[in-house]
Amino acid sequence: MKILILKNRIFFFYVIFFLIPVAPLKALANSLPQVAVIPFTVNAEKDYSYMQNGITEMLTFHLSTQGKTKVIDQEHIAEAMKDIKGTLTYEKAEKLGRDLKADYIVYGSVSVFGNQVIVQGKALDLRGSKLPVHLSKELSSVDGIIPEINGFAGEIKKTFFITAAQQEHTKGAMESEKSKSTDSSYIITHHGSEEKAMIGFWKSEPIDTIIHSLAVGDTDNDGIKEIVILSPHAVDLYQIHQSRLVIKQTIFSDDDLNLISIDIADINGNGFAEIFVTSLNALKNTVSSFVIEYNQGVYSKIIEDSSLYFKVVEHPTLGKQLLGQMQRTGRADIFSGAIVRMVWKNSQYEPTDPVLPENTANALGLAFGRLLNTAEDICVSVTRDGSLIAIDSSGNRCWSGKGPYAPLPFYFLLQKEEPGVENRQYYPMRVGINNTEDGKNQLIVINNPNNSGSLLSFFSSNDQAHIKGLSWDGIGFAPSWETRNLSGNITGFVIDDIDQDGEKELVASLILETESVLGGHPKSVLVSYDLKQIKE
């Protein structure tokens, strides 16, 4: 056993000292950005202290750039950490960084359980201008730690330390365009002969929850729109005040329900937009959806314990339409029910026109409208394997495209096929339509790569989440633009005028952290993109 540990130690330091040069020892000026590299916590039965030192040295080397950044001395860090007890959480890391007068802080952990190695890391911009950078990987041996740390350092440099040329490019774009936010950046890449910088990017302060879904609407008819945020067991109302996301109130909370999707529309026509919540029971094997509406100062349920998946779509001529799909216990899967248009009748929502036949799609992963830029309505849905298909009004498949458009980490429990083994089916990612002024409608999709649907894989991908705009070119849906890659995972989006300035924004929910990452608390943010400058 000692021989094996010694071999690992020799190999680890061999890579450090022979594959990377010695970091410069000359101290940089105090005016340079300060980086605090906190020694990674190592959880293992064996002594892996050499690994902790090696990771610190590697990150210090990569993040020490002559004339550009300075890594704070480890002695100062050790002194500042004396009073910190327990796991280094998000909040503790922020405070530690500020105590060290750091601009950035990097921390993480390595856990070794037999042949399973889990590497987790996080880098925070304490100035608040950049989103955090995450690392979360499951490895089969400690040998894989080195390339993961190298990649993590590379992502930190790419995200935080933009080059002088990029700064000049962004500065020029800001001078030529009026920004909606002081937090502007290069966020949209246009596909074609020219790439354009788009300004008008906003992100909220982190909120302490995992956002499952979001919707926007004036739910109390006071002329001010609310952002309705759906967490695992609660529905919260937020509003934008002076560019800040401020909670208004919690209108529903129930730990016995698993909430997965939310939409807003005034379907019953009484002037107050209903809030449609698709949810599952505590066992996740029955759909138990409900509808909330504002009435005389109180939000209350007008429909409860429904077996329907709810989805609101925006039609260019008909306005907002409600789609429903029945899910009963014992059905073959979550795609098996027919999708129908629904109207308010006899104090309930009743089906009218068929939209898609059985065994075609799941309503939560469906876009419906004039996506071919003709007068014909079609459906585009995310399939079981994460691909996209387009189906015309006759039920014929007119286009299909490979993904993968990975599913969300929310699942329905089907009947067991093997004793003792859960039979999970994950819900598809939300898709939608951007109804542009020139009539050339775009399909909007979320891309969270390297995700098999499980919670672990969903929150293991790093700096790859983005949103795409796809346009019909007569043959298929081709990319028109995409947002910059984000550190975290996107669970939903909505297109609406959230700040009520007369222009629509693309607003997405981004998960930064869950309880399982480094022992911290869940963290999510909203990010908003100004759509008025997106052109073909």
Protein backbone atom coordinates (compact mmCIF):
# COMPACT_ATOMS: atom_id res chain seq x y z
CA MET A 1 0.00 0.00 0.00
CA LYS A 2 2.84 2.42 0.87
CA ILE A 3 4.55 1.64 -2.43
CA LEU A 4 1.33 2.52 -4.33
CA ILE A 5 0.97 5.84 -2.51
CA LEU A 6 4.64 6.63 -3.18
CA LYS A 7 4.21 5.88 -6.89
CA ASN A 8 1.18 8.16 -7.10
CA ARG A 9 3.08 10.90 -5.29
CA ILE A 10 6.06 10.62 -7.63
CA PHE A 11 3.80 10.63 -10.70
CA PHE A 12 1.90 13.68 -9.49
CA PHE A 13 5.01 15.76 -8.91
CA TYR A 14 6.60 14.46 -12.11
CA VAL A 15 3.77 15.98 -14.11
CA ILE A 16 3.84 19.25 -12.20
CA PHE A 17 7.59 19.85 -12.50
CA PHE A 18 8.25 18.42 -15.95
CA LEU A 19 5.15 19.48 -17.89
CA ILE A 20 4.92 23.05 -16.61
CA PRO A 21 7.77 25.49 -15.98
CA VAL A 22 8.51 26.99 -12.59
CA ALA A 23 6.18 29.88 -11.79
CA PRO A 24 7.80 33.30 -11.66
CA LEU A 25 8.86 34.26 -8.16
CA LYS A 26 9.00 38.02 -8.60
CA ALA A 27 6.18 39.77 -6.78
CA LEU A 28 3.84 41.79 -8.93
CA ALA A 29 2.60 45.28 -8.20
CA ASN A 30 -0.19 45.61 -5.65
CA SER A 31 -2.33 47.42 -8.21
CA LEU A 32 -2.74 44.21 -10.22
CA PRO A 33 -5.85 42.03 -9.79
CA GLN A 34 -5.39 39.86 -6.69
CA VAL A 35 -6.19 36.12 -6.90
CA ALA A 36 -6.63 33.99 -3.77
CA VAL A 37 -5.99 30.28 -4.43
CA ILE A 38 -7.38 28.38 -1.43
CA PRO A 39 -5.89 24.89 -0.90
CA PHE A 40 -8.42 22.28 -2.03
CA THR A 41 -9.97 20.19 0.73
CA VAL A 42 -9.05 16.50 0.32
CA ASN A 43 -11.47 13.87 1.63
CA ALA A 44 -9.87 10.44 1.60
CA GLU A 45 -8.83 7.59 3.84
CA LYS A 46 -5.20 7.84 2.65
CA ASP A 47 -2.78 10.73 3.03
CA TYR A 48 -3.10 12.83 -0.11
CA SER A 49 -1.53 16.01 1.24
CA TYR A 50 0.94 15.98 -1.69
CA MET A 51 -2.07 16.23 -3.99
CA GLN A 52 -3.39 19.28 -2.16
CA ASN A 53 -0.03 21.03 -2.46
CA GLY A 54 0.29 20.03 -6.10
CA ILE A 55 -3.13 21.46 -7.03
CA THR A 56 -2.28 24.74 -5.29
CA GLU A 57 1.02 24.96 -7.18
CA MET A 58 -0.65 24.24 -10.52
CA LEU A 59 -3.37 26.84 -10.05
CA THR A 60 -0.85 29.39 -8.78
CA PHE A 61 1.30 28.88 -11.86
CA HIS A 62 -1.56 29.16 -14.33
CA LEU A 63 -3.17 32.19 -12.66
CA SER A 64 0.10 34.11 -12.10
CA THR A 65 0.59 36.21 -15.21
CA GLN A 66 3.51 38.64 -15.24
CA GLY A 67 2.21 42.20 -15.32
CA LYS A 68 -1.47 41.15 -15.30
CA THR A 69 -2.36 39.28 -12.09
CA LYS A 70 -0.93 38.48 -8.69
CA VAL A 71 -1.66 35.36 -6.64
CA ILE A 72 -1.81 36.09 -2.92
CA ASP A 73 0.87 34.42 -0.81
CA GLN A 74 -0.20 31.17 0.85
CA GLU A 75 1.03 32.37 4.25
CA HIS A 76 -1.49 35.23 4.18
CA ILE A 77 -4.22 32.83 3.12
CA ALA A 78 -3.37 30.39 5.93
CA GLU A 79 -3.52 33.24 8.45
CA ALA A 80 -6.92 34.41 7.16
CA MET A 81 -8.32 30.87 7.31
CA LYS A 82 -7.50 30.25 10.97
CA ASP A 83 -10.97 31.20 12.18
CA ILE A 84 -12.89 29.39 9.44
CA LYS A 85 -14.54 26.21 10.67
CA GLY A 86 -16.25 23.47 8.72
CA THR A 87 -16.81 23.32 4.99
CA LEU A 88 -15.83 26.38 2.95
CA THR A 89 -19.27 27.38 1.63
CA TYR A 90 -20.11 30.00 -0.98
CA GLU A 91 -20.75 32.63 1.70
CA LYS A 92 -17.58 31.80 3.66
CA ALA A 93 -15.50 31.92 0.48
CA GLU A 94 -16.88 35.36 -0.41
CA LYS A 95 -16.06 36.71 3.05
CA LEU A 96 -12.60 35.12 3.02
CA GLY A 97 -11.82 36.69 -0.34
CA ARG A 98 -12.90 40.11 0.83
CA ASP A 99 -10.85 39.76 4.03
CA LEU A 100 -7.84 39.01 1.80
CA LYS A 101 -8.69 42.01 -0.39
CA ALA A 102 -8.83 39.63 -3.34
CA ASP A 103 -10.52 40.35 -6.66
CA TYR A 104 -10.95 36.62 -7.34
CA ILE A 105 -11.01 33.52 -5.15
CA VAL A 106 -10.55 29.90 -6.21
CA TYR A 107 -11.41 26.93 -3.96
CA GLY A 108 -12.60 23.35 -4.17
CA SER A 109 -12.31 19.77 -2.99
CA VAL A 110 -11.14 16.31 -4.00
CA SER A 111 -12.94 13.26 -2.64
CA VAL A 112 -11.52 9.76 -3.09
CA PHE A 113 -13.75 6.74 -2.41
CA GLY A 114 -12.00 3.58 -3.57
CA ASN A 115 -11.73 3.88 -7.36
CA GLN A 116 -14.12 6.85 -7.51
CA VAL A 117 -12.61 10.34 -7.50
CA ILE A 118 -14.79 13.48 -7.46
CA VAL A 119 -13.12 16.82 -8.22
CA GLN A 120 -15.09 19.99 -7.54
CA GLY A 121 -13.99 23.59 -7.78
CA LYS A 122 -15.30 27.11 -8.00
CA ALA A 123 -13.85 30.48 -8.93
CA LEU A 124 -15.67 33.67 -7.87
CA ASP A 125 -15.33 37.18 -9.23
CA LEU A 126 -15.71 39.20 -6.03
CA ARG A 127 -16.20 42.40 -8.02
CA GLY A 128 -19.46 40.92 -9.30
CA SER A 129 -18.93 41.56 -13.01
CA LYS A 130 -18.47 37.92 -14.09
CA LEU A 131 -20.42 34.75 -13.37
CA PRO A 132 -18.66 32.04 -11.33
CA VAL A 133 -16.61 29.31 -13.02
CA HIS A 134 -17.39 25.74 -11.95
CA LEU A 135 -15.56 22.42 -12.00
CA SER A 136 -17.37 19.19 -11.18
CA LYS A 137 -16.02 15.90 -12.52
CA GLU A 138 -16.25 12.25 -11.55
CA LEU A 139 -13.05 10.30 -12.38
CA SER A 140 -11.95 6.70 -12.20
CA SER A 141 -8.49 7.45 -10.71
CA VAL A 142 -6.38 10.27 -9.29
CA ASP A 143 -4.40 10.34 -12.54
CA GLY A 144 -7.21 12.30 -14.15
CA ILE A 145 -7.02 15.17 -11.65
CA ILE A 146 -4.12 16.97 -13.37
CA PRO A 147 -5.80 17.61 -16.74
CA GLU A 148 -9.03 18.62 -14.99
CA ILE A 149 -7.23 21.23 -12.88
CA ASN A 150 -5.39 22.49 -15.97
CA GLY A 151 -8.69 22.82 -17.81
CA PHE A 152 -10.28 24.54 -14.80
CA ALA A 153 -7.47 27.09 -14.72
CA GLY A 154 -7.87 27.69 -18.44
CA GLU A 155 -11.59 28.37 -18.04
CA ILE A 156 -10.88 30.80 -15.20
CA LYS A 157 -8.41 32.74 -17.34
CA LYS A 158 -10.78 32.75 -20.32
CA THR A 159 -13.72 33.97 -18.22
CA PHE A 160 -12.05 36.44 -15.86
CA PHE A 161 -8.90 37.73 -17.51
CA ILE A 162 -9.93 38.95 -20.94
CA THR A 163 -7.17 40.27 -23.17
CA ALA A 164 -6.48 43.90 -23.90
CA ALA A 165 -7.72 43.39 -27.45
CA GLN A 166 -11.04 42.06 -26.16
CA GLN A 167 -11.32 45.00 -23.80
CA GLU A 168 -10.85 47.43 -26.67
CA HIS A 169 -13.41 45.52 -28.74
CA THR A 170 -15.97 45.68 -25.95
CA LYS A 171 -15.20 49.33 -25.30
CA GLY A 172 -15.77 50.18 -28.95
CA ALA A 173 -19.08 48.32 -28.96
CA MET A 174 -20.23 50.13 -25.84
CA GLU A 175 -19.39 53.51 -27.38
CA SER A 176 -21.32 52.73 -30.56
CA GLU A 177 -24.40 51.25 -28.83
CA LYS A 178 -26.44 52.42 -25.86
CA SER A 179 -26.16 49.88 -23.11
CA LYS A 180 -29.07 48.90 -20.87
CA SER A 181 -26.72 47.78 -18.14
CA THR A 182 -23.27 48.58 -16.77
CA ASP A 183 -22.60 44.83 -16.90
CA SER A 184 -22.24 44.67 -20.70
CA SER A 185 -20.13 42.06 -22.43
CA TYR A 186 -19.61 40.14 -25.63
CA ILE A 187 -22.58 37.83 -25.34
CA ILE A 188 -24.09 37.08 -28.77
CA THR A 189 -22.34 35.45 -31.69
CA HIS A 190 -24.12 35.88 -35.02
CA HIS A 191 -23.69 33.13 -37.61
CA GLY A 192 -22.87 34.49 -41.06
CA SER A 193 -20.33 36.74 -42.71
CA GLU A 194 -20.01 39.03 -39.71
CA GLU A 195 -19.82 38.65 -35.95
CA LYS A 196 -21.35 41.44 -33.90
CA ALA A 197 -20.92 42.40 -30.28
CA MET A 198 -24.26 42.78 -28.53
CA ILE A 199 -24.65 44.82 -25.40
CA GLY A 200 -27.57 44.96 -23.01
CA PHE A 201 -26.73 42.06 -20.68
CA TRP A 202 -28.05 41.90 -17.12
CA LYS A 203 -27.78 39.35 -14.37
CA SER A 204 -29.49 39.29 -11.02
CA GLU A 205 -27.97 38.85 -7.61
CA PRO A 206 -27.85 35.14 -6.64
CA ILE A 207 -30.95 33.77 -4.96
CA ASP A 208 -30.85 30.81 -2.58
CA THR A 209 -32.78 28.21 -4.53
CA ILE A 210 -32.66 25.95 -7.57
CA ILE A 211 -34.84 27.53 -10.25
CA HIS A 212 -36.83 24.85 -12.07
CA SER A 213 -38.77 27.20 -14.33
CA LEU A 214 -39.79 30.83 -14.74
CA ALA A 215 -42.56 32.90 -16.33
CA VAL A 216 -43.39 36.59 -16.71
CA GLY A 217 -46.76 38.35 -16.52
CA ASP A 218 -48.93 40.91 -14.73
CA THR A 219 -50.65 38.51 -12.37
CA ASP A 220 -52.45 41.07 -10.17
CA ASN A 221 -53.44 43.48 -12.98
CA ASP A 222 -51.64 46.45 -11.44
CA GLY A 223 -49.74 47.34 -14.62
CA ILE A 224 -46.41 45.96 -13.33
CA LYS A 225 -45.13 42.61 -14.50
CA GLU A 226 -43.97 39.95 -12.08
CA ILE A 227 -41.27 37.38 -12.67
CA VAL A 228 -42.67 34.13 -11.28
CA ILE A 229 -39.94 31.74 -10.20
CA LEU A 230 -40.58 28.06 -9.62
CA SER A 231 -38.30 26.25 -7.18
CA PRO A 232 -38.64 22.55 -6.24
CA HIS A 233 -41.47 23.17 -3.76
CA ALA A 234 -42.49 26.83 -3.97
CA VAL A 235 -43.79 29.58 -6.27
CA ASP A 236 -42.31 33.04 -5.65
CA LEU A 237 -43.14 36.40 -7.19
CA TYR A 238 -40.28 38.79 -8.02
CA GLN A 239 -40.10 42.20 -9.67
CA ILE A 240 -37.33 44.33 -11.15
CA HIS A 241 -36.65 47.50 -9.16
CA GLN A 242 -33.72 49.74 -10.18
CA SER A 243 -32.11 46.86 -12.10
CA ARG A 244 -32.33 44.56 -9.08
CA LEU A 245 -34.39 41.39 -8.68
CA VAL A 246 -36.53 41.87 -5.57
CA ILE A 247 -38.85 39.26 -4.07
CA LYS A 248 -42.46 40.36 -3.69
CA GLN A 249 -44.01 37.34 -1.98
CA THR A 250 -44.26 33.56 -1.85
CA ILE A 251 -47.67 32.57 -3.17
CA PHE A 252 -47.40 28.78 -2.82
CA SER A 253 -45.30 26.28 -0.88
CA ASP A 254 -45.74 22.53 -0.41
CA ASP A 255 -42.94 20.04 0.32
CA ASP A 256 -45.18 17.15 -0.76
CA LEU A 257 -45.25 18.33 -4.38
CA ASN A 258 -42.40 18.39 -6.90
CA LEU A 259 -42.86 21.46 -9.11
CA ILE A 260 -41.35 21.20 -12.60
CA SER A 261 -42.79 23.84 -14.97
CA ILE A 262 -44.67 27.14 -14.91
CA ASP A 263 -46.53 29.33 -17.44
CA ILE A 264 -48.68 32.48 -17.26
CA ALA A 265 -51.67 33.55 -19.40
CA ASP A 266 -55.18 34.94 -19.02
CA ILE A 267 -57.02 31.99 -20.54
CA ASN A 268 -60.32 32.44 -18.68
CA GLY A 269 -60.51 36.06 -19.87
CA ASN A 270 -61.26 37.76 -16.55
CA GLY A 271 -58.35 40.21 -16.78
CA PHE A 272 -56.12 38.38 -14.29
CA ALA A 273 -53.45 36.09 -15.70
CA GLU A 274 -53.56 32.55 -14.37
CA ILE A 275 -50.40 30.84 -13.16
CA PHE A 276 -50.21 27.27 -14.53
CA VAL A 277 -47.98 24.97 -12.46
CA THR A 278 -47.13 21.49 -13.70
CA SER A 279 -46.14 19.34 -10.75
CA LEU A 280 -45.73 15.76 -9.55
CA ASN A 281 -46.78 14.12 -6.31
CA ALA A 282 -44.28 13.27 -3.57
CA LEU A 283 -43.49 9.88 -5.16
CA LYS A 284 -43.01 11.42 -8.62
CA ASN A 285 -45.30 8.84 -10.21
CA THR A 286 -48.44 10.96 -10.65
CA VAL A 287 -49.00 14.37 -12.24
CA SER A 288 -50.72 16.68 -9.76
CA SER A 289 -50.82 20.08 -11.45
CA PHE A 290 -52.68 23.19 -10.31
CA VAL A 291 -53.61 26.72 -11.37
CA ILE A 292 -53.30 29.83 -9.20
CA GLU A 293 -55.11 33.13 -9.75
CA TYR A 294 -55.17 36.49 -7.99
CA ASN A 295 -58.53 37.47 -6.51
CA GLN A 296 -59.22 40.37 -4.15
CA GLY A 297 -55.70 40.62 -2.80
CA VAL A 298 -55.07 36.88 -2.44
CA TYR A 299 -53.46 34.26 -4.67
CA SER A 300 -55.39 31.00 -4.47
CA LYS A 301 -55.90 27.81 -6.43
CA ILE A 302 -58.73 27.70 -8.96
CA ILE A 303 -57.73 24.21 -10.20
CA GLU A 304 -55.86 21.55 -8.23
CA ASP A 305 -54.72 17.95 -8.50
CA SER A 306 -54.98 17.95 -12.29
CA SER A 307 -53.47 15.12 -14.38
CA LEU A 308 -52.48 17.57 -17.12
CA TYR A 309 -49.13 18.89 -18.26
CA PHE A 310 -49.73 22.60 -18.94
CA LYS A 311 -47.92 24.59 -21.64
CA VAL A 312 -48.71 28.13 -22.82
CA VAL A 313 -47.65 29.07 -26.37
CA GLU A 314 -47.75 32.49 -28.02
CA HIS A 315 -49.46 32.51 -31.43
CA PRO A 316 -48.88 35.52 -33.73
CA THR A 317 -52.60 36.00 -34.47
CA LEU A 318 -54.45 34.06 -31.76
CA GLY A 319 -52.36 35.31 -28.85
CA LYS A 320 -51.54 33.10 -25.89
CA GLN A 321 -52.95 29.59 -26.14
CA LEU A 322 -53.09 26.87 -23.48
CA LEU A 323 -52.02 23.36 -24.42
CA GLY A 324 -52.67 20.33 -22.24
CA GLN A 325 -51.53 16.71 -22.17
CA MET A 326 -53.00 14.02 -19.94
CA GLN A 327 -50.64 11.87 -17.87
CA ARG A 328 -52.12 8.98 -15.94
CA THR A 329 -50.32 6.49 -13.73
CA GLY A 330 -49.64 3.34 -15.72
CA ARG A 331 -49.21 4.98 -19.14
CA ALA A 332 -46.28 3.76 -21.21
CA ASP A 333 -44.28 6.99 -20.83
CA ILE A 334 -44.52 10.76 -20.50
CA PHE A 335 -44.81 11.16 -24.29
CA SER A 336 -47.84 8.92 -24.68
CA GLY A 337 -50.73 11.38 -24.23
CA ALA A 338 -52.25 13.44 -27.05
CA ILE A 339 -51.62 17.21 -26.89
CA VAL A 340 -54.70 19.41 -27.27
CA ARG A 341 -55.65 23.07 -27.20
CA MET A 342 -57.67 23.98 -24.09
CA VAL A 343 -60.24 26.67 -23.28
CA TRP A 344 -62.02 27.85 -20.14
CA LYS A 345 -65.52 26.40 -20.01
CA ASN A 346 -67.87 25.36 -17.21
CA SER A 347 -65.41 26.67 -14.58
CA GLN A 348 -62.62 24.40 -15.80
CA TYR A 349 -60.16 23.91 -18.67
CA GLU A 350 -61.62 21.69 -21.36
CA PRO A 351 -59.96 20.26 -24.50
CA THR A 352 -60.93 21.56 -27.95
CA ASP A 353 -58.71 21.23 -31.03
CA PRO A 354 -56.09 18.46 -31.28
CA VAL A 355 -52.50 19.64 -31.71
CA LEU A 356 -50.49 16.40 -31.75
CA PRO A 357 -51.61 12.76 -31.60
CA GLU A 358 -50.59 10.26 -28.90
CA ASN A 359 -47.02 8.97 -28.64
CA THR A 360 -45.58 12.00 -30.40
CA ALA A 361 -44.16 14.49 -27.89
CA ASN A 362 -44.24 15.79 -24.34
CA ALA A 363 -45.97 19.14 -23.99
CA LEU A 364 -43.20 20.63 -21.84
CA GLY A 365 -40.70 20.31 -24.70
CA LEU A 366 -42.92 21.75 -27.43
CA ALA A 367 -42.98 24.90 -29.56
CA PHE A 368 -46.10 25.68 -31.63
CA GLY A 369 -46.52 28.38 -34.27
CA ARG A 370 -45.49 29.60 -37.71
CA LEU A 371 -41.90 28.43 -37.56
CA LEU A 372 -41.64 27.79 -41.32
CA ASN A 373 -42.35 31.50 -41.86
CA THR A 374 -45.58 30.67 -43.69
CA ALA A 375 -49.23 30.81 -42.65
CA GLU A 376 -49.07 27.18 -41.54
CA ASP A 377 -48.74 26.27 -37.87
CA ILE A 378 -46.28 23.52 -37.04
CA CYS A 379 -44.96 21.88 -33.89
CA VAL A 380 -41.29 21.45 -33.04
CA SER A 381 -40.59 19.14 -30.13
CA VAL A 382 -37.69 17.55 -28.29
CA THR A 383 -37.75 13.77 -28.67
CA ARG A 384 -36.92 11.05 -26.15
CA ASP A 385 -33.30 10.96 -27.35
CA GLY A 386 -32.83 14.74 -27.28
CA SER A 387 -33.26 15.42 -31.00
CA LEU A 388 -35.63 17.93 -32.61
CA ILE A 389 -38.53 17.08 -34.90
CA ALA A 390 -40.97 19.31 -36.81
CA ILE A 391 -44.52 18.08 -37.44
CA ASP A 392 -47.01 19.85 -39.70
CA SER A 393 -50.74 20.35 -39.15
CA SER A 394 -51.50 17.01 -40.86
CA GLY A 395 -49.34 15.12 -38.39
CA ASN A 396 -46.54 14.49 -40.89
CA ARG A 397 -42.92 14.82 -39.89
CA CYS A 398 -41.45 17.52 -42.13
CA TRP A 399 -38.00 17.84 -40.57
CA SER A 400 -35.77 16.22 -37.98
CA GLY A 401 -32.41 17.23 -36.57
CA LYS A 402 -29.93 15.61 -34.25
CA GLY A 403 -29.26 17.05 -30.80
CA PRO A 404 -28.29 16.39 -28.27
CA TYR A 405 -30.66 18.76 -26.50
CA ALA A 406 -30.21 17.23 -23.10
CA PRO A 407 -33.20 16.64 -20.80
CA LEU A 408 -33.83 18.44 -17.54
CA PRO A 409 -32.93 16.67 -14.27
CA PHE A 410 -36.63 16.29 -13.40
CA TYR A 411 -38.15 12.88 -13.92
CA PHE A 412 -41.35 10.85 -13.78
CA LEU A 413 -41.22 7.38 -12.23
CA LEU A 414 -42.70 4.78 -14.56
CA GLN A 415 -43.69 1.30 -13.44
CA LYS A 416 -40.64 -0.77 -12.55
CA GLU A 417 -39.31 -3.13 -15.18
CA GLU A 418 -36.85 -4.74 -12.77
CA PRO A 419 -37.39 -5.27 -9.03
CA GLY A 420 -35.64 -2.65 -6.93
CA VAL A 421 -34.57 -0.51 -9.93
CA GLU A 422 -36.24 2.87 -10.53
CA ASN A 423 -37.57 3.36 -14.04
CA ARG A 424 -37.04 7.09 -14.60
CA GLN A 425 -38.03 9.15 -17.61
CA TYR A 426 -36.59 12.65 -17.75
CA TYR A 427 -38.50 15.66 -19.02
CA PRO A 428 -37.36 17.40 -22.21
CA MET A 429 -35.74 20.81 -22.29
CA ARG A 430 -38.04 23.77 -22.96
CA VAL A 431 -38.10 25.21 -26.49
CA GLY A 432 -39.87 28.34 -27.68
CA ILE A 433 -40.40 30.87 -30.45
CA ASN A 434 -39.13 34.40 -30.92
CA ASN A 435 -41.79 36.15 -33.01
CA THR A 436 -39.63 38.75 -34.78
CA GLU A 437 -40.97 42.00 -36.24
CA ASP A 438 -39.99 41.04 -39.79
CA GLY A 439 -42.08 37.87 -39.58
CA LYS A 440 -39.10 35.53 -39.67
CA ASN A 441 -39.78 33.53 -36.55
CA GLN A 442 -36.94 31.80 -34.74
CA LEU A 443 -36.87 28.59 -32.75
CA ILE A 444 -35.17 29.15 -29.39
CA VAL A 445 -33.41 26.16 -27.76
CA ILE A 446 -31.28 25.55 -24.68
CA ASN A 447 -28.03 23.63 -25.01
CA ASN A 448 -26.60 22.02 -21.85
CA PRO A 449 -24.09 19.54 -23.35
CA ASN A 450 -22.63 16.38 -21.82
CA ASN A 451 -25.78 15.69 -19.86
CA SER A 452 -27.48 12.31 -19.66
CA GLY A 453 -30.39 13.71 -17.65
CA SER A 454 -29.31 12.62 -14.18
CA LEU A 455 -28.82 15.26 -11.50
CA LEU A 456 -25.11 14.45 -11.21
CA SER A 457 -24.41 14.76 -14.93
CA PHE A 458 -26.63 17.83 -15.23
CA PHE A 459 -24.54 19.77 -12.73
CA SER A 460 -21.20 18.30 -13.87
CA SER A 461 -20.97 20.11 -17.21
CA ASN A 462 -18.86 23.27 -17.05
CA ASP A 463 -18.93 26.50 -19.06
CA GLN A 464 -20.92 25.01 -21.92
CA ALA A 465 -24.50 26.13 -21.34
CA HIS A 466 -25.92 28.51 -23.93
CA ILE A 467 -29.06 29.43 -25.84
CA LYS A 468 -29.42 29.27 -29.62
CA GLY A 469 -31.68 30.93 -32.15
CA LEU A 470 -32.51 28.65 -35.10
CA SER A 471 -34.15 29.90 -38.32
CA TRP A 472 -35.85 27.96 -41.11
CA ASP A 473 -33.83 28.25 -44.34
CA GLY A 474 -36.17 26.25 -46.57
CA ILE A 475 -34.39 22.97 -45.87
CA GLY A 476 -34.04 22.86 -42.12
CA PHE A 477 -33.43 24.87 -38.96
CA ALA A 478 -29.99 26.46 -39.09
CA PRO A 479 -28.32 28.46 -36.27
CA SER A 480 -28.65 32.24 -36.57
CA TRP A 481 -27.06 33.24 -33.29
CA GLU A 482 -26.10 31.88 -29.92
CA THR A 483 -25.28 33.34 -26.54
CA ARG A 484 -21.86 33.10 -25.02
CA ASN A 485 -21.16 29.93 -23.03
CA LEU A 486 -22.17 30.32 -19.40
CA SER A 487 -20.75 28.69 -16.30
CA GLY A 488 -23.64 26.76 -14.81
CA ASN A 489 -26.73 25.11 -16.25
CA ILE A 490 -29.81 26.66 -17.84
CA THR A 491 -33.18 25.23 -16.80
CA GLY A 492 -35.59 27.56 -18.56
CA PHE A 493 -36.16 30.82 -20.41
CA VAL A 494 -38.86 33.28 -21.35
CA ILE A 495 -39.09 36.07 -23.94
CA ASP A 496 -40.85 39.12 -22.53
CA ASP A 497 -40.42 42.77 -21.63
CA ILE A 498 -39.34 42.23 -18.03
CA ASP A 499 -38.22 45.81 -17.41
CA GLN A 500 -41.21 47.26 -19.32
CA ASP A 501 -39.15 49.54 -21.55
CA GLY A 502 -41.05 48.53 -24.67
CA GLU A 503 -38.42 46.03 -25.83
CA LYS A 504 -38.42 42.27 -25.26
CA GLU A 505 -35.62 40.48 -23.49
CA LEU A 506 -34.51 36.86 -23.47
CA VAL A 507 -34.43 35.89 -19.79
CA ALA A 508 -32.92 32.59 -18.65
CA SER A 509 -32.61 30.84 -15.30
CA LEU A 510 -29.05 29.73 -14.56
CA ILE A 511 -28.12 27.29 -11.77
CA LEU A 512 -24.79 28.14 -10.17
CA GLU A 513 -24.69 25.74 -7.25
CA THR A 514 -26.65 22.95 -5.56
CA GLU A 515 -26.45 21.60 -2.03
CA SER A 516 -24.21 18.80 -3.27
CA VAL A 517 -21.45 21.06 -4.56
CA LEU A 518 -18.75 21.70 -1.97
CA GLY A 519 -21.29 21.46 0.83
CA GLY A 520 -22.78 24.84 -0.08
CA HIS A 521 -26.28 26.16 -0.48
CA PRO A 522 -28.23 26.25 -3.75
CA LYS A 523 -27.62 29.37 -5.85
CA SER A 524 -29.32 30.56 -9.01
CA VAL A 525 -29.39 33.76 -11.04
CA LEU A 526 -31.42 35.20 -13.86
CA VAL A 527 -29.59 36.47 -16.92
CA SER A 528 -31.19 38.74 -19.49
CA TYR A 529 -30.23 39.50 -23.10
CA ASP A 530 -31.56 42.46 -25.09
CA LEU A 531 -33.21 40.98 -28.20
CA LYS A 532 -33.75 44.19 -30.16
CA GLN A 533 -30.36 43.93 -31.87
CA ILE A 534 -30.67 40.30 -32.94
CA LYS A 535 -31.00 40.27 -36.72
CA GLU A 536 -30.63 37.64 -39.38
